[in-house]
Amino acid sequence: MAEGFARAAGVEAYSAGTEPAGYVHPVAVQVMAEKGIDISAQTSKELDLHLAQTMDAVITVCGEADETCPAIPHVNRLHWPVPDPAKATGTQEEVDSVFRAVRDDLARRVSDLLEESKR
């Protein structure tokens, strides 16, 4: 979702995981569409260390990512401790609510980061 917000803002962004699921969660696609952002063409992919070394920043989300992401020299590393919405349980309405909360948190964080980078 963070990649979707960054790309919608005109920023080149890539998302990857140390243990990718192999798909983009359909509820993530759904809740991003509610904000007018189509992430249905995004893919779940493994971290490419060579590509990561060319980035201005590497941002980990969720606790496990911060612990398992390898150190990348000379790249600004940030961690955004958001819950993994794919682990949400309950009714569909409750799961959707978790995804929306994470979506809104990531939207704010991406916006704040982009504003900070302008200073």
PDB file of N, CA and C in Angstrom:
ATOM      1  N   MET A   1       0.825  -1.191   0.000  1.00  0.00           N
ATOM      2  CA  MET A   1       0.000   0.000   0.000  1.00  0.00           C
ATOM      3  C   MET A   1       0.868   1.253   0.000  1.00  0.00           C
ATOM      4  N   ALA A   2       1.983   1.212   0.731  1.00  0.00           N
ATOM      5  CA  ALA A   2       2.872   2.369   0.756  1.00  0.00           C
ATOM      6  C   ALA A   2       3.418   2.658  -0.640  1.00  0.00           C
ATOM      7  N   GLU A   3       3.775   1.605  -1.374  1.00  0.00           N
ATOM      8  CA  GLU A   3       4.243   1.790  -2.745  1.00  0.00           C
ATOM      9  C   GLU A   3       3.172   2.479  -3.579  1.00  0.00           C
ATOM     10  N   GLY A   4       1.940   2.079  -3.416  1.00  0.00           N
ATOM     11  CA  GLY A   4       0.838   2.690  -4.162  1.00  0.00           C
ATOM     12  C   GLY A   4       0.699   4.167  -3.867  1.00  0.00           C
ATOM     13  N   PHE A   5       0.787   4.544  -2.597  1.00  0.00           N
ATOM     14  CA  PHE A   5       0.697   5.964  -2.244  1.00  0.00           C
ATOM     15  C   PHE A   5       1.879   6.751  -2.802  1.00  0.00           C
ATOM     16  N   ALA A   6       3.073   6.180  -2.708  1.00  0.00           N
ATOM     17  CA  ALA A   6       4.257   6.880  -3.227  1.00  0.00           C
ATOM     18  C   ALA A   6       4.160   7.072  -4.734  1.00  0.00           C
ATOM     19  N   ARG A   7       3.785   6.033  -5.438  1.00  0.00           N
ATOM     20  CA  ARG A   7       3.660   6.134  -6.900  1.00  0.00           C
ATOM     21  C   ARG A   7       2.570   7.126  -7.295  1.00  0.00           C
ATOM     22  N   ALA A   8       1.469   7.138  -6.541  1.00  0.00           N
ATOM     23  CA  ALA A   8       0.396   8.086  -6.822  1.00  0.00           C
ATOM     24  C   ALA A   8       0.870   9.524  -6.634  1.00  0.00           C
ATOM     25  N   ALA A   9       1.874   9.713  -5.766  1.00  0.00           N
ATOM     26  CA  ALA A   9       2.449  11.038  -5.532  1.00  0.00           C
ATOM     27  C   ALA A   9       3.560  11.360  -6.530  1.00  0.00           C
ATOM     28  N   GLY A  10       3.818  10.439  -7.463  1.00  0.00           N
ATOM     29  CA  GLY A  10       4.832  10.681  -8.485  1.00  0.00           C
ATOM     30  C   GLY A  10       6.233  10.265  -8.100  1.00  0.00           C
ATOM     31  N   VAL A  11       6.361   9.456  -7.069  1.00  0.00           N
ATOM     32  CA  VAL A  11       7.667   9.016  -6.585  1.00  0.00           C
ATOM     33  C   VAL A  11       7.924   7.589  -7.069  1.00  0.00           C
ATOM     34  N   GLU A  12       9.126   7.356  -7.566  1.00  0.00           N
ATOM     35  CA  GLU A  12       9.507   6.003  -7.958  1.00  0.00           C
ATOM     36  C   GLU A  12       9.692   5.184  -6.683  1.00  0.00           C
ATOM     37  N   ALA A  13       8.914   4.133  -6.555  1.00  0.00           N
ATOM     38  CA  ALA A  13       8.943   3.327  -5.334  1.00  0.00           C
ATOM     39  C   ALA A  13       8.812   1.857  -5.687  1.00  0.00           C
ATOM     40  N   TYR A  14       9.418   1.036  -4.855  1.00  0.00           N
ATOM     41  CA  TYR A  14       9.364  -0.409  -5.021  1.00  0.00           C
ATOM     42  C   TYR A  14       9.103  -1.030  -3.667  1.00  0.00           C
ATOM     43  N   SER A  15       8.230  -1.999  -3.636  1.00  0.00           N
ATOM     44  CA  SER A  15       8.041  -2.718  -2.380  1.00  0.00           C
ATOM     45  C   SER A  15       8.509  -4.150  -2.571  1.00  0.00           C
ATOM     46  N   ALA A  16       9.020  -4.694  -1.498  1.00  0.00           N
ATOM     47  CA  ALA A  16       9.518  -6.063  -1.529  1.00  0.00           C
ATOM     48  C   ALA A  16       9.516  -6.588  -0.106  1.00  0.00           C
ATOM     49  N   GLY A  17       9.694  -7.869  -0.003  1.00  0.00           N
ATOM     50  CA  GLY A  17       9.708  -8.462   1.321  1.00  0.00           C
ATOM     51  C   GLY A  17      10.822  -9.469   1.473  1.00  0.00           C
ATOM     52  N   THR A  18      11.171  -9.719   2.714  1.00  0.00           N
ATOM     53  CA  THR A  18      12.161 -10.752   2.966  1.00  0.00           C
ATOM     54  C   THR A  18      11.509 -12.127   2.865  1.00  0.00           C
ATOM     55  N   GLU A  19      10.190 -12.179   3.033  1.00  0.00           N
ATOM     56  CA  GLU A  19       9.417 -13.404   2.862  1.00  0.00           C
ATOM     57  C   GLU A  19       8.122 -13.055   2.128  1.00  0.00           C
ATOM     58  N   PRO A  20       8.198 -12.762   0.813  1.00  0.00           N
ATOM     59  CA  PRO A  20       7.003 -12.332   0.089  1.00  0.00           C
ATOM     60  C   PRO A  20       5.924 -13.414   0.037  1.00  0.00           C
ATOM     61  N   ALA A  21       4.684 -12.965   0.092  1.00  0.00           N
ATOM     62  CA  ALA A  21       3.549 -13.891   0.093  1.00  0.00           C
ATOM     63  C   ALA A  21       3.297 -14.491  -1.283  1.00  0.00           C
ATOM     64  N   GLY A  22       3.770 -13.832  -2.320  1.00  0.00           N
ATOM     65  CA  GLY A  22       3.536 -14.327  -3.664  1.00  0.00           C
ATOM     66  C   GLY A  22       2.346 -13.680  -4.341  1.00  0.00           C
ATOM     67  N   TYR A  23       1.638 -12.828  -3.614  1.00  0.00           N
ATOM     68  CA  TYR A  23       0.483 -12.131  -4.174  1.00  0.00           C
ATOM     69  C   TYR A  23       0.242 -10.859  -3.362  1.00  0.00           C
ATOM     70  N   VAL A  24      -0.482  -9.918  -3.947  1.00  0.00           N
ATOM     71  CA  VAL A  24      -0.913  -8.741  -3.210  1.00  0.00           C
ATOM     72  C   VAL A  24      -2.292  -9.077  -2.640  1.00  0.00           C
ATOM     73  N   HIS A  25      -2.451  -8.887  -1.363  1.00  0.00           N
ATOM     74  CA  HIS A  25      -3.686  -9.272  -0.691  1.00  0.00           C
ATOM     75  C   HIS A  25      -4.883  -8.571  -1.340  1.00  0.00           C
ATOM     76  N   PRO A  26      -5.927  -9.311  -1.674  1.00  0.00           N
ATOM     77  CA  PRO A  26      -7.079  -8.701  -2.342  1.00  0.00           C
ATOM     78  C   PRO A  26      -7.759  -7.603  -1.527  1.00  0.00           C
ATOM     79  N   VAL A  27      -7.703  -7.686  -0.205  1.00  0.00           N
ATOM     80  CA  VAL A  27      -8.313  -6.619   0.602  1.00  0.00           C
ATOM     81  C   VAL A  27      -7.470  -5.356   0.508  1.00  0.00           C
ATOM     82  N   ALA A  28      -6.162  -5.487   0.370  1.00  0.00           N
ATOM     83  CA  ALA A  28      -5.310  -4.305   0.158  1.00  0.00           C
ATOM     84  C   ALA A  28      -5.689  -3.640  -1.162  1.00  0.00           C
ATOM     85  N   VAL A  29      -5.891  -4.434  -2.191  1.00  0.00           N
ATOM     86  CA  VAL A  29      -6.305  -3.889  -3.493  1.00  0.00           C
ATOM     87  C   VAL A  29      -7.633  -3.164  -3.341  1.00  0.00           C
ATOM     88  N   GLN A  30      -8.558  -3.782  -2.628  1.00  0.00           N
ATOM     89  CA  GLN A  30      -9.895  -3.214  -2.427  1.00  0.00           C
ATOM     90  C   GLN A  30      -9.852  -1.876  -1.686  1.00  0.00           C
ATOM     91  N   VAL A  31      -9.126  -1.834  -0.557  1.00  0.00           N
ATOM     92  CA  VAL A  31      -9.153  -0.599   0.242  1.00  0.00           C
ATOM     93  C   VAL A  31      -8.361   0.526  -0.418  1.00  0.00           C
ATOM     94  N   MET A  32      -7.358   0.177  -1.209  1.00  0.00           N
ATOM     95  CA  MET A  32      -6.643   1.218  -1.959  1.00  0.00           C
ATOM     96  C   MET A  32      -7.531   1.763  -3.077  1.00  0.00           C
ATOM     97  N   ALA A  33      -8.325   0.897  -3.703  1.00  0.00           N
ATOM     98  CA  ALA A  33      -9.257   1.349  -4.741  1.00  0.00           C
ATOM     99  C   ALA A  33     -10.256   2.344  -4.160  1.00  0.00           C
ATOM    100  N   GLU A  34     -10.599   2.177  -2.887  1.00  0.00           N
ATOM    101  CA  GLU A  34     -11.506   3.132  -2.228  1.00  0.00           C
ATOM    102  C   GLU A  34     -10.914   4.538  -2.210  1.00  0.00           C
ATOM    103  N   LYS A  35      -9.591   4.634  -2.274  1.00  0.00           N
ATOM    104  CA  LYS A  35      -8.897   5.929  -2.300  1.00  0.00           C
ATOM    105  C   LYS A  35      -8.516   6.327  -3.725  1.00  0.00           C
ATOM    106  N   GLY A  36      -8.970   5.555  -4.705  1.00  0.00           N
ATOM    107  CA  GLY A  36      -8.701   5.876  -6.103  1.00  0.00           C
ATOM    108  C   GLY A  36      -7.328   5.447  -6.588  1.00  0.00           C
ATOM    109  N   ILE A  37      -6.695   4.529  -5.869  1.00  0.00           N
ATOM    110  CA  ILE A  37      -5.362   4.062  -6.244  1.00  0.00           C
ATOM    111  C   ILE A  37      -5.448   2.582  -6.585  1.00  0.00           C
ATOM    112  N   ASP A  38      -5.035   2.245  -7.804  1.00  0.00           N
ATOM    113  CA  ASP A  38      -5.094   0.868  -8.278  1.00  0.00           C
ATOM    114  C   ASP A  38      -3.731   0.201  -8.069  1.00  0.00           C
ATOM    115  N   ILE A  39      -3.696  -0.762  -7.155  1.00  0.00           N
ATOM    116  CA  ILE A  39      -2.453  -1.507  -6.914  1.00  0.00           C
ATOM    117  C   ILE A  39      -2.567  -2.938  -7.421  1.00  0.00           C
ATOM    118  N   SER A  40      -3.587  -3.199  -8.223  1.00  0.00           N
ATOM    119  CA  SER A  40      -3.830  -4.574  -8.668  1.00  0.00           C
ATOM    120  C   SER A  40      -2.715  -5.122  -9.550  1.00  0.00           C
ATOM    121  N   ALA A  41      -1.933  -4.240 -10.178  1.00  0.00           N
ATOM    122  CA  ALA A  41      -0.826  -4.714 -11.027  1.00  0.00           C
ATOM    123  C   ALA A  41       0.479  -4.873 -10.244  1.00  0.00           C
ATOM    124  N   GLN A  42       0.490  -4.453  -8.985  1.00  0.00           N
ATOM    125  CA  GLN A  42       1.690  -4.631  -8.172  1.00  0.00           C
ATOM    126  C   GLN A  42       1.871  -6.118  -7.892  1.00  0.00           C
ATOM    127  N   THR A  43       3.099  -6.499  -7.619  1.00  0.00           N
ATOM    128  CA  THR A  43       3.378  -7.899  -7.329  1.00  0.00           C
ATOM    129  C   THR A  43       4.121  -8.023  -6.011  1.00  0.00           C
ATOM    130  N   SER A  44       3.983  -9.170  -5.410  1.00  0.00           N
ATOM    131  CA  SER A  44       4.733  -9.493  -4.204  1.00  0.00           C
ATOM    132  C   SER A  44       6.069 -10.054  -4.658  1.00  0.00           C
ATOM    133  N   LYS A  45       7.138  -9.409  -4.255  1.00  0.00           N
ATOM    134  CA  LYS A  45       8.456  -9.838  -4.737  1.00  0.00           C
ATOM    135  C   LYS A  45       9.475  -9.830  -3.609  1.00  0.00           C
ATOM    136  N   GLU A  46      10.550 -10.546  -3.843  1.00  0.00           N
ATOM    137  CA  GLU A  46      11.622 -10.647  -2.864  1.00  0.00           C
ATOM    138  C   GLU A  46      12.522  -9.406  -2.932  1.00  0.00           C
ATOM    139  N   LEU A  47      13.116  -9.084  -1.809  1.00  0.00           N
ATOM    140  CA  LEU A  47      14.032  -7.956  -1.725  1.00  0.00           C
ATOM    141  C   LEU A  47      15.215  -8.156  -2.663  1.00  0.00           C
ATOM    142  N   ASP A  48      15.487  -7.155  -3.492  1.00  0.00           N
ATOM    143  CA  ASP A  48      16.626  -7.165  -4.413  1.00  0.00           C
ATOM    144  C   ASP A  48      17.691  -6.250  -3.800  1.00  0.00           C
ATOM    145  N   LEU A  49      18.718  -6.825  -3.198  1.00  0.00           N
ATOM    146  CA  LEU A  49      19.736  -6.027  -2.512  1.00  0.00           C
ATOM    147  C   LEU A  49      20.473  -5.095  -3.453  1.00  0.00           C
ATOM    148  N   HIS A  50      20.722  -5.517  -4.668  1.00  0.00           N
ATOM    149  CA  HIS A  50      21.405  -4.649  -5.631  1.00  0.00           C
ATOM    150  C   HIS A  50      20.555  -3.399  -5.906  1.00  0.00           C
ATOM    151  N   LEU A  51      19.265  -3.591  -6.156  1.00  0.00           N
ATOM    152  CA  LEU A  51      18.364  -2.458  -6.392  1.00  0.00           C
ATOM    153  C   LEU A  51      18.260  -1.595  -5.131  1.00  0.00           C
ATOM    154  N   ALA A  52      18.155  -2.229  -3.970  1.00  0.00           N
ATOM    155  CA  ALA A  52      18.021  -1.486  -2.715  1.00  0.00           C
ATOM    156  C   ALA A  52      19.209  -0.559  -2.478  1.00  0.00           C
ATOM    157  N   GLN A  53      20.399  -0.948  -2.937  1.00  0.00           N
ATOM    158  CA  GLN A  53      21.588  -0.115  -2.746  1.00  0.00           C
ATOM    159  C   GLN A  53      21.529   1.176  -3.553  1.00  0.00           C
ATOM    160  N   THR A  54      20.616   1.258  -4.518  1.00  0.00           N
ATOM    161  CA  THR A  54      20.479   2.463  -5.340  1.00  0.00           C
ATOM    162  C   THR A  54      19.398   3.399  -4.807  1.00  0.00           C
ATOM    163  N   MET A  55      18.720   3.016  -3.737  1.00  0.00           N
ATOM    164  CA  MET A  55      17.595   3.779  -3.202  1.00  0.00           C
ATOM    165  C   MET A  55      18.062   4.906  -2.292  1.00  0.00           C
ATOM    166  N   ASP A  56      17.213   5.910  -2.182  1.00  0.00           N
ATOM    167  CA  ASP A  56      17.450   6.976  -1.214  1.00  0.00           C
ATOM    168  C   ASP A  56      17.120   6.491   0.192  1.00  0.00           C
ATOM    169  N   ALA A  57      16.128   5.611   0.276  1.00  0.00           N
ATOM    170  CA  ALA A  57      15.718   5.095   1.582  1.00  0.00           C
ATOM    171  C   ALA A  57      15.135   3.702   1.423  1.00  0.00           C
ATOM    172  N   VAL A  58      15.296   2.918   2.462  1.00  0.00           N
ATOM    173  CA  VAL A  58      14.634   1.627   2.574  1.00  0.00           C
ATOM    174  C   VAL A  58      13.779   1.720   3.828  1.00  0.00           C
ATOM    175  N   ILE A  59      12.498   1.437   3.655  1.00  0.00           N
ATOM    176  CA  ILE A  59      11.552   1.556   4.761  1.00  0.00           C
ATOM    177  C   ILE A  59      10.971   0.182   5.036  1.00  0.00           C
ATOM    178  N   THR A  60      11.137  -0.266   6.260  1.00  0.00           N
ATOM    179  CA  THR A  60      10.533  -1.528   6.653  1.00  0.00           C
ATOM    180  C   THR A  60       9.231  -1.228   7.378  1.00  0.00           C
ATOM    181  N   VAL A  61       8.269  -2.110   7.183  1.00  0.00           N
ATOM    182  CA  VAL A  61       6.995  -2.008   7.894  1.00  0.00           C
ATOM    183  C   VAL A  61       6.750  -3.348   8.562  1.00  0.00           C
ATOM    184  N   CYS A  62       6.048  -3.332   9.626  1.00  0.00           N
ATOM    185  CA  CYS A  62       5.774  -4.527  10.436  1.00  0.00           C
ATOM    186  C   CYS A  62       7.052  -4.941  11.170  1.00  0.00           C
ATOM    187  N   GLY A  63       6.890  -5.493  12.342  1.00  0.00           N
ATOM    188  CA  GLY A  63       8.012  -5.849  13.202  1.00  0.00           C
ATOM    189  C   GLY A  63       8.991  -6.811  12.598  1.00  0.00           C
ATOM    190  N   GLU A  64       8.490  -7.856  11.929  1.00  0.00           N
ATOM    191  CA  GLU A  64       9.367  -8.876  11.387  1.00  0.00           C
ATOM    192  C   GLU A  64      10.311  -8.295  10.325  1.00  0.00           C
ATOM    193  N   ALA A  65       9.822  -7.361   9.547  1.00  0.00           N
ATOM    194  CA  ALA A  65      10.640  -6.790   8.474  1.00  0.00           C
ATOM    195  C   ALA A  65      11.842  -6.047   9.049  1.00  0.00           C
ATOM    196  N   ASP A  66      11.634  -5.324  10.130  1.00  0.00           N
ATOM    197  CA  ASP A  66      12.732  -4.586  10.739  1.00  0.00           C
ATOM    198  C   ASP A  66      13.805  -5.543  11.247  1.00  0.00           C
ATOM    199  N   GLU A  67      13.369  -6.670  11.758  1.00  0.00           N
ATOM    200  CA  GLU A  67      14.304  -7.643  12.327  1.00  0.00           C
ATOM    201  C   GLU A  67      15.030  -8.463  11.261  1.00  0.00           C
ATOM    202  N   THR A  68      14.396  -8.681  10.114  1.00  0.00           N
ATOM    203  CA  THR A  68      14.978  -9.577   9.118  1.00  0.00           C
ATOM    204  C   THR A  68      15.577  -8.869   7.908  1.00  0.00           C
ATOM    205  N   CYS A  69      15.329  -7.585   7.752  1.00  0.00           N
ATOM    206  CA  CYS A  69      15.887  -6.862   6.604  1.00  0.00           C
ATOM    207  C   CYS A  69      17.392  -6.712   6.794  1.00  0.00           C
ATOM    208  N   PRO A  70      18.165  -7.089   5.802  1.00  0.00           N
ATOM    209  CA  PRO A  70      19.620  -6.961   5.940  1.00  0.00           C
ATOM    210  C   PRO A  70      20.055  -5.492   5.951  1.00  0.00           C
ATOM    211  N   ALA A  71      21.182  -5.240   6.557  1.00  0.00           N
ATOM    212  CA  ALA A  71      21.750  -3.890   6.552  1.00  0.00           C
ATOM    213  C   ALA A  71      22.189  -3.557   5.128  1.00  0.00           C
ATOM    214  N   ILE A  72      21.887  -2.347   4.698  1.00  0.00           N
ATOM    215  CA  ILE A  72      22.254  -1.904   3.355  1.00  0.00           C
ATOM    216  C   ILE A  72      23.109  -0.641   3.524  1.00  0.00           C
ATOM    217  N   PRO A  73      24.410  -0.762   3.304  1.00  0.00           N
ATOM    218  CA  PRO A  73      25.308   0.373   3.538  1.00  0.00           C
ATOM    219  C   PRO A  73      24.926   1.605   2.710  1.00  0.00           C
ATOM    220  N   HIS A  74      25.062   2.758   3.317  1.00  0.00           N
ATOM    221  CA  HIS A  74      24.891   4.052   2.664  1.00  0.00           C
ATOM    222  C   HIS A  74      23.459   4.326   2.203  1.00  0.00           C
ATOM    223  N   VAL A  75      22.487   3.616   2.767  1.00  0.00           N
ATOM    224  CA  VAL A  75      21.090   3.844   2.425  1.00  0.00           C
ATOM    225  C   VAL A  75      20.347   4.189   3.712  1.00  0.00           C
ATOM    226  N   ASN A  76      19.584   5.284   3.682  1.00  0.00           N
ATOM    227  CA  ASN A  76      18.800   5.694   4.833  1.00  0.00           C
ATOM    228  C   ASN A  76      17.779   4.607   5.147  1.00  0.00           C
ATOM    229  N   ARG A  77      17.762   4.141   6.374  1.00  0.00           N
ATOM    230  CA  ARG A  77      16.861   3.064   6.770  1.00  0.00           C
ATOM    231  C   ARG A  77      15.864   3.590   7.783  1.00  0.00           C
ATOM    232  N   LEU A  78      14.592   3.407   7.493  1.00  0.00           N
ATOM    233  CA  LEU A  78      13.518   3.810   8.389  1.00  0.00           C
ATOM    234  C   LEU A  78      12.671   2.591   8.716  1.00  0.00           C
ATOM    235  N   HIS A  79      12.051   2.602   9.884  1.00  0.00           N
ATOM    236  CA  HIS A  79      11.108   1.539  10.222  1.00  0.00           C
ATOM    237  C   HIS A  79       9.786   2.160  10.639  1.00  0.00           C
ATOM    238  N   TRP A  80       8.727   1.710   9.997  1.00  0.00           N
ATOM    239  CA  TRP A  80       7.377   2.142  10.346  1.00  0.00           C
ATOM    240  C   TRP A  80       6.659   0.959  10.983  1.00  0.00           C
ATOM    241  N   PRO A  81       6.506   0.968  12.296  1.00  0.00           N
ATOM    242  CA  PRO A  81       5.916  -0.189  12.991  1.00  0.00           C
ATOM    243  C   PRO A  81       4.394  -0.227  12.859  1.00  0.00           C
ATOM    244  N   VAL A  82       3.929  -0.709  11.740  1.00  0.00           N
ATOM    245  CA  VAL A  82       2.484  -0.852  11.535  1.00  0.00           C
ATOM    246  C   VAL A  82       2.131  -2.334  11.622  1.00  0.00           C
ATOM    247  N   PRO A  83       0.921  -2.632  12.068  1.00  0.00           N
ATOM    248  CA  PRO A  83       0.533  -4.042  12.129  1.00  0.00           C
ATOM    249  C   PRO A  83       0.402  -4.625  10.719  1.00  0.00           C
ATOM    250  N   ASP A  84       0.651  -5.900  10.591  1.00  0.00           N
ATOM    251  CA  ASP A  84       0.501  -6.579   9.305  1.00  0.00           C
ATOM    252  C   ASP A  84      -0.980  -6.883   9.128  1.00  0.00           C
ATOM    253  N   PRO A  85      -1.663  -6.175   8.218  1.00  0.00           N
ATOM    254  CA  PRO A  85      -3.107  -6.389   8.087  1.00  0.00           C
ATOM    255  C   PRO A  85      -3.457  -7.781   7.574  1.00  0.00           C
ATOM    256  N   ALA A  86      -2.539  -8.437   6.908  1.00  0.00           N
ATOM    257  CA  ALA A  86      -2.806  -9.794   6.413  1.00  0.00           C
ATOM    258  C   ALA A  86      -3.005 -10.781   7.556  1.00  0.00           C
ATOM    259  N   LYS A  87      -2.590 -10.400   8.751  1.00  0.00           N
ATOM    260  CA  LYS A  87      -2.752 -11.264   9.914  1.00  0.00           C
ATOM    261  C   LYS A  87      -4.052 -10.981  10.669  1.00  0.00           C
ATOM    262  N   ALA A  88      -4.856 -10.040  10.159  1.00  0.00           N
ATOM    263  CA  ALA A  88      -6.105  -9.678  10.817  1.00  0.00           C
ATOM    264  C   ALA A  88      -7.080 -10.854  10.801  1.00  0.00           C
ATOM    265  N   THR A  89      -7.832 -10.982  11.868  1.00  0.00           N
ATOM    266  CA  THR A  89      -8.835 -12.035  11.970  1.00  0.00           C
ATOM    267  C   THR A  89     -10.168 -11.409  12.359  1.00  0.00           C
ATOM    268  N   GLY A  90     -11.202 -12.198  12.238  1.00  0.00           N
ATOM    269  CA  GLY A  90     -12.538 -11.737  12.599  1.00  0.00           C
ATOM    270  C   GLY A  90     -13.449 -11.764  11.394  1.00  0.00           C
ATOM    271  N   THR A  91     -14.522 -11.010  11.493  1.00  0.00           N
ATOM    272  CA  THR A  91     -15.462 -10.933  10.381  1.00  0.00           C
ATOM    273  C   THR A  91     -14.819 -10.177   9.231  1.00  0.00           C
ATOM    274  N   GLN A  92     -15.412 -10.285   8.059  1.00  0.00           N
ATOM    275  CA  GLN A  92     -14.876  -9.547   6.913  1.00  0.00           C
ATOM    276  C   GLN A  92     -14.860  -8.054   7.197  1.00  0.00           C
ATOM    277  N   GLU A  93     -15.868  -7.566   7.876  1.00  0.00           N
ATOM    278  CA  GLU A  93     -15.927  -6.149   8.237  1.00  0.00           C
ATOM    279  C   GLU A  93     -14.767  -5.762   9.158  1.00  0.00           C
ATOM    280  N   GLU A  94     -14.442  -6.629  10.111  1.00  0.00           N
ATOM    281  CA  GLU A  94     -13.330  -6.367  11.027  1.00  0.00           C
ATOM    282  C   GLU A  94     -11.992  -6.401  10.291  1.00  0.00           C
ATOM    283  N   VAL A  95     -11.816  -7.352   9.404  1.00  0.00           N
ATOM    284  CA  VAL A  95     -10.584  -7.444   8.617  1.00  0.00           C
ATOM    285  C   VAL A  95     -10.451  -6.214   7.730  1.00  0.00           C
ATOM    286  N   ASP A  96     -11.526  -5.842   7.053  1.00  0.00           N
ATOM    287  CA  ASP A  96     -11.505  -4.642   6.206  1.00  0.00           C
ATOM    288  C   ASP A  96     -11.123  -3.414   7.021  1.00  0.00           C
ATOM    289  N   SER A  97     -11.636  -3.324   8.240  1.00  0.00           N
ATOM    290  CA  SER A  97     -11.333  -2.184   9.113  1.00  0.00           C
ATOM    291  C   SER A  97      -9.843  -2.112   9.448  1.00  0.00           C
ATOM    292  N   VAL A  98      -9.223  -3.266   9.693  1.00  0.00           N
ATOM    293  CA  VAL A  98      -7.785  -3.299   9.973  1.00  0.00           C
ATOM    294  C   VAL A  98      -7.009  -2.826   8.743  1.00  0.00           C
ATOM    295  N   PHE A  99      -7.373  -3.326   7.577  1.00  0.00           N
ATOM    296  CA  PHE A  99      -6.703  -2.901   6.343  1.00  0.00           C
ATOM    297  C   PHE A  99      -6.860  -1.402   6.131  1.00  0.00           C
ATOM    298  N   ARG A 100      -8.052  -0.861   6.392  1.00  0.00           N
ATOM    299  CA  ARG A 100      -8.267   0.581   6.211  1.00  0.00           C
ATOM    300  C   ARG A 100      -7.426   1.396   7.196  1.00  0.00           C
ATOM    301  N   ALA A 101      -7.322   0.921   8.426  1.00  0.00           N
ATOM    302  CA  ALA A 101      -6.509   1.638   9.423  1.00  0.00           C
ATOM    303  C   ALA A 101      -5.042   1.658   9.007  1.00  0.00           C
ATOM    304  N   VAL A 102      -4.538   0.520   8.535  1.00  0.00           N
ATOM    305  CA  VAL A 102      -3.147   0.455   8.085  1.00  0.00           C
ATOM    306  C   VAL A 102      -2.969   1.333   6.843  1.00  0.00           C
ATOM    307  N   ARG A 103      -3.921   1.267   5.919  1.00  0.00           N
ATOM    308  CA  ARG A 103      -3.868   2.104   4.713  1.00  0.00           C
ATOM    309  C   ARG A 103      -3.757   3.582   5.092  1.00  0.00           C
ATOM    310  N   ASP A 104      -4.613   4.025   6.006  1.00  0.00           N
ATOM    311  CA  ASP A 104      -4.626   5.436   6.387  1.00  0.00           C
ATOM    312  C   ASP A 104      -3.342   5.834   7.112  1.00  0.00           C
ATOM    313  N   ASP A 105      -2.815   4.928   7.928  1.00  0.00           N
ATOM    314  CA  ASP A 105      -1.545   5.182   8.612  1.00  0.00           C
ATOM    315  C   ASP A 105      -0.419   5.310   7.588  1.00  0.00           C
ATOM    316  N   LEU A 106      -0.373   4.404   6.632  1.00  0.00           N
ATOM    317  CA  LEU A 106       0.672   4.463   5.603  1.00  0.00           C
ATOM    318  C   LEU A 106       0.523   5.711   4.726  1.00  0.00           C
ATOM    319  N   ALA A 107      -0.689   6.095   4.432  1.00  0.00           N
ATOM    320  CA  ALA A 107      -0.912   7.324   3.647  1.00  0.00           C
ATOM    321  C   ALA A 107      -0.301   8.524   4.365  1.00  0.00           C
ATOM    322  N   ARG A 108      -0.539   8.604   5.669  1.00  0.00           N
ATOM    323  CA  ARG A 108       0.008   9.717   6.459  1.00  0.00           C
ATOM    324  C   ARG A 108       1.525   9.665   6.496  1.00  0.00           C
ATOM    325  N   ARG A 109       2.071   8.475   6.702  1.00  0.00           N
ATOM    326  CA  ARG A 109       3.523   8.334   6.793  1.00  0.00           C
ATOM    327  C   ARG A 109       4.213   8.677   5.467  1.00  0.00           C
ATOM    328  N   VAL A 110       3.643   8.210   4.364  1.00  0.00           N
ATOM    329  CA  VAL A 110       4.221   8.526   3.052  1.00  0.00           C
ATOM    330  C   VAL A 110       4.148  10.032   2.813  1.00  0.00           C
ATOM    331  N   SER A 111       3.004  10.631   3.107  1.00  0.00           N
ATOM    332  CA  SER A 111       2.847  12.078   2.927  1.00  0.00           C
ATOM    333  C   SER A 111       3.850  12.854   3.778  1.00  0.00           C
ATOM    334  N   ASP A 112       3.994  12.457   5.041  1.00  0.00           N
ATOM    335  CA  ASP A 112       4.947  13.132   5.936  1.00  0.00           C
ATOM    336  C   ASP A 112       6.377  12.995   5.416  1.00  0.00           C
ATOM    337  N   LEU A 113       6.738  11.806   4.951  1.00  0.00           N
ATOM    338  CA  LEU A 113       8.092  11.589   4.439  1.00  0.00           C
ATOM    339  C   LEU A 113       8.349  12.451   3.209  1.00  0.00           C
ATOM    340  N   LEU A 114       7.395  12.528   2.324  1.00  0.00           N
ATOM    341  CA  LEU A 114       7.564  13.330   1.115  1.00  0.00           C
ATOM    342  C   LEU A 114       7.661  14.819   1.448  1.00  0.00           C
ATOM    343  N   GLU A 115       6.865  15.269   2.416  1.00  0.00           N
ATOM    344  CA  GLU A 115       6.945  16.664   2.854  1.00  0.00           C
ATOM    345  C   GLU A 115       8.310  16.949   3.488  1.00  0.00           C
ATOM    346  N   GLU A 116       8.787  16.029   4.310  1.00  0.00           N
ATOM    347  CA  GLU A 116      10.085  16.181   4.973  1.00  0.00           C
ATOM    348  C   GLU A 116      11.223  16.221   3.952  1.00  0.00           C
ATOM    349  N   SER A 117      11.101  15.448   2.895  1.00  0.00           N
ATOM    350  CA  SER A 117      12.166  15.406   1.886  1.00  0.00           C
ATOM    351  C   SER A 117      12.247  16.701   1.089  1.00  0.00           C
ATOM    352  N   LYS A 118      11.190  17.502   1.099  1.00  0.00           N
ATOM    353  CA  LYS A 118      11.182  18.775   0.387  1.00  0.00           C
ATOM    354  C   LYS A 118      11.938  19.863   1.150  1.00  0.00           C
ATOM    355  N   ARG A 119      12.130  19.646   2.443  1.00  0.00           N
ATOM    356  CA  ARG A 119      12.787  20.671   3.298  1.00  0.00           C
ATOM    357  C   ARG A 119      14.272  20.670   3.115  1.00  0.00           C
TER     358      ARG A 119
END
